[in-house]
Amino acid sequence: MNEVLFVACKELIDDAKLGCADLVFKEICLEILARAKNVLTEDQFRQLTQYAAERMKEKSLSEAELPI
C-alpha cells in the first residue's frame, strides 16, 4: 500500500510541475510533502523529498532559460 501512495505522490508532483507557475508549484510540493510524511515510510519520504527538490530545480532552470 505504501508503494502505491509513494507513486501517487510522485505523480502529483509531476502533474503540478506541468500545470503551475513556479511559486505555486513549490507551495504544492510542500503541501504534498507535509501530508506524505504521515503515510510514507522514512525511506520513501526521503526519496520523495529528493524527488521534489529535483523537480523544483528543473522548474527554476526551465523558467530561467525562457527568452525575455
C-alpha atoms as a PDB file:
ATOM      1  CA  MET A   1       0.000   0.000   0.000  1.00  0.00           C
ATOM      2  CA  ASN A   2       2.812   2.418   0.848  1.00  0.00           C
ATOM      3  CA  GLU A   3       4.308   1.915  -2.602  1.00  0.00           C
ATOM      4  CA  VAL A   4       1.018   2.966  -4.213  1.00  0.00           C
ATOM      5  CA  LEU A   5       0.937   6.110  -2.079  1.00  0.00           C
ATOM      6  CA  PHE A   6       4.591   6.831  -2.900  1.00  0.00           C
ATOM      7  CA  VAL A   7       3.938   6.587  -6.641  1.00  0.00           C
ATOM      8  CA  ALA A   8       0.791   8.706  -6.292  1.00  0.00           C
ATOM      9  CA  CYS A   9       2.763  11.446  -4.530  1.00  0.00           C
ATOM     10  CA  LYS A  10       5.363  11.461  -7.305  1.00  0.00           C
ATOM     11  CA  GLU A  11       2.595  11.700  -9.901  1.00  0.00           C
ATOM     12  CA  LEU A  12       1.017  14.627  -8.044  1.00  0.00           C
ATOM     13  CA  ILE A  13       4.367  16.417  -8.046  1.00  0.00           C
ATOM     14  CA  ASP A  14       4.805  15.746 -11.772  1.00  0.00           C
ATOM     15  CA  ASP A  15       1.300  16.998 -12.557  1.00  0.00           C
ATOM     16  CA  ALA A  16       1.854  20.146 -10.527  1.00  0.00           C
ATOM     17  CA  LYS A  17       5.146  20.758 -12.316  1.00  0.00           C
ATOM     18  CA  LEU A  18       3.416  20.719 -15.683  1.00  0.00           C
ATOM     19  CA  GLY A  19       0.494  22.920 -14.763  1.00  0.00           C
ATOM     20  CA  CYS A  20       1.622  25.532 -12.254  1.00  0.00           C
ATOM     21  CA  ALA A  21       3.708  28.658 -12.013  1.00  0.00           C
ATOM     22  CA  ASP A  22       6.974  28.246 -10.082  1.00  0.00           C
ATOM     23  CA  LEU A  23       5.787  29.706  -6.777  1.00  0.00           C
ATOM     24  CA  VAL A  24       2.517  27.761  -6.820  1.00  0.00           C
ATOM     25  CA  PHE A  25       4.395  24.591  -7.759  1.00  0.00           C
ATOM     26  CA  LYS A  26       6.695  24.972  -4.759  1.00  0.00           C
ATOM     27  CA  GLU A  27       3.760  25.540  -2.420  1.00  0.00           C
ATOM     28  CA  ILE A  28       2.034  22.436  -3.761  1.00  0.00           C
ATOM     29  CA  CYS A  29       5.212  20.385  -3.303  1.00  0.00           C
ATOM     30  CA  LEU A  30       5.467  21.496   0.309  1.00  0.00           C
ATOM     31  CA  GLU A  31       1.835  20.559   0.920  1.00  0.00           C
ATOM     32  CA  ILE A  32       2.314  17.134  -0.681  1.00  0.00           C
ATOM     33  CA  LEU A  33       5.420  16.521   1.425  1.00  0.00           C
ATOM     34  CA  ALA A  34       3.674  17.595   4.624  1.00  0.00           C
ATOM     35  CA  ARG A  35       0.876  15.111   4.026  1.00  0.00           C
ATOM     36  CA  ALA A  36       3.145  12.365   2.719  1.00  0.00           C
ATOM     37  CA  LYS A  37       5.215  12.382   5.903  1.00  0.00           C
ATOM     38  CA  ASN A  38       2.228  10.912   7.739  1.00  0.00           C
ATOM     39  CA  VAL A  39       1.684   7.969   5.377  1.00  0.00           C
ATOM     40  CA  LEU A  40       5.054   7.008   3.880  1.00  0.00           C
ATOM     41  CA  THR A  41       7.954   5.151   5.437  1.00  0.00           C
ATOM     42  CA  GLU A  42      11.000   7.218   6.399  1.00  0.00           C
ATOM     43  CA  ASP A  43      12.923   5.904   3.402  1.00  0.00           C
ATOM     44  CA  GLN A  44      10.081   6.659   0.989  1.00  0.00           C
ATOM     45  CA  PHE A  45       9.697  10.128   2.470  1.00  0.00           C
ATOM     46  CA  ARG A  46      13.412  10.842   1.988  1.00  0.00           C
ATOM     47  CA  GLN A  47      13.174   9.636  -1.610  1.00  0.00           C
ATOM     48  CA  LEU A  48      10.098  11.780  -2.240  1.00  0.00           C
ATOM     49  CA  THR A  49      11.805  14.814  -0.701  1.00  0.00           C
ATOM     50  CA  GLN A  50      14.784  14.347  -3.007  1.00  0.00           C
ATOM     51  CA  TYR A  51      12.446  13.858  -5.982  1.00  0.00           C
ATOM     52  CA  ALA A  52      10.543  17.058  -5.173  1.00  0.00           C
ATOM     53  CA  ALA A  53      13.802  19.000  -4.749  1.00  0.00           C
ATOM     54  CA  GLU A  54      14.991  17.826  -8.173  1.00  0.00           C
ATOM     55  CA  ARG A  55      11.696  18.857  -9.769  1.00  0.00           C
ATOM     56  CA  MET A  56      11.869  22.283  -8.102  1.00  0.00           C
ATOM     57  CA  LYS A  57      15.342  22.816  -9.544  1.00  0.00           C
ATOM     58  CA  GLU A  58      14.150  21.744 -13.003  1.00  0.00           C
ATOM     59  CA  LYS A  59      11.244  24.173 -12.834  1.00  0.00           C
ATOM     60  CA  SER A  60      13.523  27.033 -11.890  1.00  0.00           C
ATOM     61  CA  LEU A  61      16.014  26.194 -14.631  1.00  0.00           C
ATOM     62  CA  SER A  62      13.398  25.872 -17.366  1.00  0.00           C
ATOM     63  CA  GLU A  63      11.881  29.245 -16.486  1.00  0.00           C
ATOM     64  CA  ALA A  64      15.331  30.866 -16.350  1.00  0.00           C
ATOM     65  CA  GLU A  65      16.014  29.709 -19.924  1.00  0.00           C
ATOM     66  CA  LEU A  66      12.929  31.367 -21.412  1.00  0.00           C
ATOM     67  CA  PRO A  67      13.721  34.354 -23.610  1.00  0.00           C
ATOM     68  CA  ILE A  68      12.817  37.734 -22.204  1.00  0.00           C
END
